[in-house]
């Protein structure tokens, strides 16, 4: 309980400062391109940003998932019939597959929601 209170006590001032920065952000149009912040993601909408972020997450996650699947295969091979090691290998394989499904499902769901919103808004 004390750690939760400590985390809240640390997070609230940071959140407060971020809110002030966001509220007082300069939203005036840029007249001189050298004095303005250039958007590196080239996305002007939230759904475009979300789509780009999830695509980047999938591109990063796929090699990591592959490594974990290969590692769980290695655990299966090195278990050599030992039931305790086989349980560890099965659990590792299950969690690798579940992680892959969660990441890919989030990406698919975000793309479906994004395309639906785009169709509704025109």
C-alpha atoms as a PDB file:
ATOM      1  CA  UNK A   1       0.000   0.000   0.000  1.00  0.00           C
ATOM      2  CA  UNK A   2       2.835   2.378   0.831  1.00  0.00           C
ATOM      3  CA  UNK A   3       4.504   1.698  -2.513  1.00  0.00           C
ATOM      4  CA  UNK A   4       1.243   2.503  -4.308  1.00  0.00           C
ATOM      5  CA  UNK A   5       0.960   5.795  -2.444  1.00  0.00           C
ATOM      6  CA  UNK A   6       4.600   6.547  -3.236  1.00  0.00           C
ATOM      7  CA  UNK A   7       4.034   5.835  -6.950  1.00  0.00           C
ATOM      8  CA  UNK A   8       0.974   8.063  -6.986  1.00  0.00           C
ATOM      9  CA  UNK A   9       2.856  10.814  -5.149  1.00  0.00           C
ATOM     10  CA  UNK A  10       5.619  10.671  -7.763  1.00  0.00           C
ATOM     11  CA  UNK A  11       3.306  10.331 -10.771  1.00  0.00           C
ATOM     12  CA  UNK A  12       0.844  13.113  -9.997  1.00  0.00           C
ATOM     13  CA  UNK A  13       3.331  16.034 -10.159  1.00  0.00           C
ATOM     14  CA  UNK A  14       4.765  14.665 -13.401  1.00  0.00           C
ATOM     15  CA  UNK A  15       1.278  14.306 -14.855  1.00  0.00           C
ATOM     16  CA  UNK A  16       0.411  17.820 -13.695  1.00  0.00           C
ATOM     17  CA  UNK A  17       3.477  19.297 -15.406  1.00  0.00           C
ATOM     18  CA  UNK A  18       2.736  17.376 -18.594  1.00  0.00           C
ATOM     19  CA  UNK A  19      -0.828  18.680 -18.597  1.00  0.00           C
ATOM     20  CA  UNK A  20       0.431  22.246 -18.251  1.00  0.00           C
ATOM     21  CA  UNK A  21       2.871  21.740 -21.116  1.00  0.00           C
ATOM     22  CA  UNK A  22       0.147  20.282 -23.335  1.00  0.00           C
ATOM     23  CA  UNK A  23      -2.343  23.045 -22.530  1.00  0.00           C
ATOM     24  CA  UNK A  24       0.184  25.796 -23.212  1.00  0.00           C
ATOM     25  CA  UNK A  25       1.554  24.246 -26.400  1.00  0.00           C
ATOM     26  CA  UNK A  26       1.968  26.614 -29.304  1.00  0.00           C
ATOM     27  CA  UNK A  27      -0.754  25.800 -31.811  1.00  0.00           C
ATOM     28  CA  UNK A  28      -0.212  28.762 -34.094  1.00  0.00           C
ATOM     29  CA  UNK A  29       0.533  27.948 -37.720  1.00  0.00           C
ATOM     30  CA  UNK A  30       4.186  27.776 -38.648  1.00  0.00           C
ATOM     31  CA  UNK A  31       5.361  30.469 -41.044  1.00  0.00           C
ATOM     32  CA  UNK A  32       9.087  29.749 -40.999  1.00  0.00           C
ATOM     33  CA  UNK A  33       9.969  26.045 -41.371  1.00  0.00           C
ATOM     34  CA  UNK A  34      13.360  26.435 -39.657  1.00  0.00           C
ATOM     35  CA  UNK A  35      11.736  27.637 -36.409  1.00  0.00           C
ATOM     36  CA  UNK A  36       9.049  24.961 -36.273  1.00  0.00           C
ATOM     37  CA  UNK A  37       8.977  21.436 -35.022  1.00  0.00           C
ATOM     38  CA  UNK A  38       8.654  18.989 -37.891  1.00  0.00           C
ATOM     39  CA  UNK A  39       6.465  15.961 -37.264  1.00  0.00           C
ATOM     40  CA  UNK A  40       8.768  12.940 -37.711  1.00  0.00           C
ATOM     41  CA  UNK A  41       5.930  10.433 -38.066  1.00  0.00           C
ATOM     42  CA  UNK A  42       4.194  12.305 -40.890  1.00  0.00           C
ATOM     43  CA  UNK A  43       0.844  11.454 -39.301  1.00  0.00           C
ATOM     44  CA  UNK A  44      -1.560  14.289 -38.800  1.00  0.00           C
ATOM     45  CA  UNK A  45      -4.334  12.216 -37.242  1.00  0.00           C
ATOM     46  CA  UNK A  46      -4.513  10.058 -34.142  1.00  0.00           C
ATOM     47  CA  UNK A  47      -5.609   6.963 -36.055  1.00  0.00           C
ATOM     48  CA  UNK A  48      -2.648   7.361 -38.409  1.00  0.00           C
ATOM     49  CA  UNK A  49      -0.301   7.643 -35.456  1.00  0.00           C
ATOM     50  CA  UNK A  50      -1.870   4.620 -33.773  1.00  0.00           C
ATOM     51  CA  UNK A  51      -1.602   2.581 -36.960  1.00  0.00           C
ATOM     52  CA  UNK A  52       2.060   3.526 -37.389  1.00  0.00           C
ATOM     53  CA  UNK A  53       2.846   2.768 -33.741  1.00  0.00           C
ATOM     54  CA  UNK A  54       1.180  -0.646 -33.872  1.00  0.00           C
ATOM     55  CA  UNK A  55       2.893  -1.486 -37.154  1.00  0.00           C
ATOM     56  CA  UNK A  56       6.242  -0.609 -35.601  1.00  0.00           C
ATOM     57  CA  UNK A  57       5.368  -2.709 -32.544  1.00  0.00           C
ATOM     58  CA  UNK A  58       4.562  -5.709 -34.748  1.00  0.00           C
ATOM     59  CA  UNK A  59       7.790  -5.265 -36.737  1.00  0.00           C
ATOM     60  CA  UNK A  60       9.765  -5.256 -33.489  1.00  0.00           C
ATOM     61  CA  UNK A  61       7.778  -8.041 -31.836  1.00  0.00           C
ATOM     62  CA  UNK A  62       7.877 -10.615 -34.650  1.00  0.00           C
ATOM     63  CA  UNK A  63      11.649 -11.297 -34.383  1.00  0.00           C
ATOM     64  CA  UNK A  64      11.390 -11.406 -30.588  1.00  0.00           C
ATOM     65  CA  UNK A  65       8.510 -13.883 -30.792  1.00  0.00           C
ATOM     66  CA  UNK A  66      10.543 -15.984 -33.209  1.00  0.00           C
ATOM     67  CA  UNK A  67      13.468 -16.076 -30.789  1.00  0.00           C
ATOM     68  CA  UNK A  68      11.219 -17.180 -27.936  1.00  0.00           C
ATOM     69  CA  UNK A  69       9.613 -19.903 -30.065  1.00  0.00           C
ATOM     70  CA  UNK A  70      13.046 -21.207 -31.054  1.00  0.00           C
ATOM     71  CA  UNK A  71      14.099 -21.068 -27.404  1.00  0.00           C
ATOM     72  CA  UNK A  72      11.048 -23.075 -26.339  1.00  0.00           C
ATOM     73  CA  UNK A  73      11.906 -25.647 -29.032  1.00  0.00           C
ATOM     74  CA  UNK A  74      15.407 -25.788 -27.609  1.00  0.00           C
ATOM     75  CA  UNK A  75      13.911 -26.402 -24.172  1.00  0.00           C
ATOM     76  CA  UNK A  76      11.831 -29.267 -25.563  1.00  0.00           C
ATOM     77  CA  UNK A  77      14.915 -30.868 -27.114  1.00  0.00           C
ATOM     78  CA  UNK A  78      17.068 -30.482 -24.008  1.00  0.00           C
ATOM     79  CA  UNK A  79      14.336 -31.791 -21.687  1.00  0.00           C
ATOM     80  CA  UNK A  80      15.010 -35.370 -22.898  1.00  0.00           C
ATOM     81  CA  UNK A  81      11.933 -36.806 -21.184  1.00  0.00           C
ATOM     82  CA  UNK A  82      12.420 -35.027 -17.849  1.00  0.00           C
ATOM     83  CA  UNK A  83       8.862 -34.130 -16.794  1.00  0.00           C
ATOM     84  CA  UNK A  84       9.835 -30.975 -14.869  1.00  0.00           C
ATOM     85  CA  UNK A  85      11.805 -29.608 -17.817  1.00  0.00           C
ATOM     86  CA  UNK A  86       9.015 -30.573 -20.210  1.00  0.00           C
ATOM     87  CA  UNK A  87       6.513 -28.589 -18.130  1.00  0.00           C
ATOM     88  CA  UNK A  88       8.807 -25.561 -18.262  1.00  0.00           C
ATOM     89  CA  UNK A  89       9.159 -25.942 -22.041  1.00  0.00           C
ATOM     90  CA  UNK A  90       5.382 -26.305 -22.490  1.00  0.00           C
ATOM     91  CA  UNK A  91       4.716 -23.228 -20.358  1.00  0.00           C
ATOM     92  CA  UNK A  92       7.331 -21.217 -22.279  1.00  0.00           C
ATOM     93  CA  UNK A  93       5.801 -22.292 -25.605  1.00  0.00           C
ATOM     94  CA  UNK A  94       2.291 -21.459 -24.383  1.00  0.00           C
ATOM     95  CA  UNK A  95       3.307 -17.982 -23.221  1.00  0.00           C
ATOM     96  CA  UNK A  96       5.187 -17.334 -26.475  1.00  0.00           C
ATOM     97  CA  UNK A  97       2.150 -18.243 -28.550  1.00  0.00           C
ATOM     98  CA  UNK A  98      -0.198 -16.239 -26.300  1.00  0.00           C
ATOM     99  CA  UNK A  99       2.064 -13.192 -26.541  1.00  0.00           C
ATOM    100  CA  UNK A 100       2.153 -13.502 -30.323  1.00  0.00           C
ATOM    101  CA  UNK A 101      -1.616 -13.808 -30.484  1.00  0.00           C
ATOM    102  CA  UNK A 102      -2.132 -10.780 -28.243  1.00  0.00           C
ATOM    103  CA  UNK A 103       0.199  -8.582 -30.264  1.00  0.00           C
ATOM    104  CA  UNK A 104      -1.223  -9.645 -33.610  1.00  0.00           C
ATOM    105  CA  UNK A 105      -4.815  -9.391 -32.345  1.00  0.00           C
ATOM    106  CA  UNK A 106      -4.165  -5.841 -31.116  1.00  0.00           C
ATOM    107  CA  UNK A 107      -2.748  -4.911 -34.503  1.00  0.00           C
ATOM    108  CA  UNK A 108      -5.668  -6.459 -36.402  1.00  0.00           C
ATOM    109  CA  UNK A 109      -8.253  -4.912 -34.072  1.00  0.00           C
ATOM    110  CA  UNK A 110      -6.676  -1.465 -34.363  1.00  0.00           C
ATOM    111  CA  UNK A 111      -6.638  -1.723 -38.152  1.00  0.00           C
ATOM    112  CA  UNK A 112     -10.283  -2.815 -38.215  1.00  0.00           C
ATOM    113  CA  UNK A 113     -11.331   0.028 -35.906  1.00  0.00           C
ATOM    114  CA  UNK A 114      -9.236   2.523 -37.876  1.00  0.00           C
ATOM    115  CA  UNK A 115     -10.725   1.508 -41.216  1.00  0.00           C
ATOM    116  CA  UNK A 116     -14.243   1.590 -39.759  1.00  0.00           C
ATOM    117  CA  UNK A 117     -13.727   5.082 -38.358  1.00  0.00           C
ATOM    118  CA  UNK A 118     -12.234   6.235 -41.670  1.00  0.00           C
ATOM    119  CA  UNK A 119     -15.279   4.918 -43.546  1.00  0.00           C
ATOM    120  CA  UNK A 120     -17.689   6.548 -41.101  1.00  0.00           C
ATOM    121  CA  UNK A 121     -15.971   9.925 -41.226  1.00  0.00           C
ATOM    122  CA  UNK A 122     -15.542   9.846 -44.960  1.00  0.00           C
END
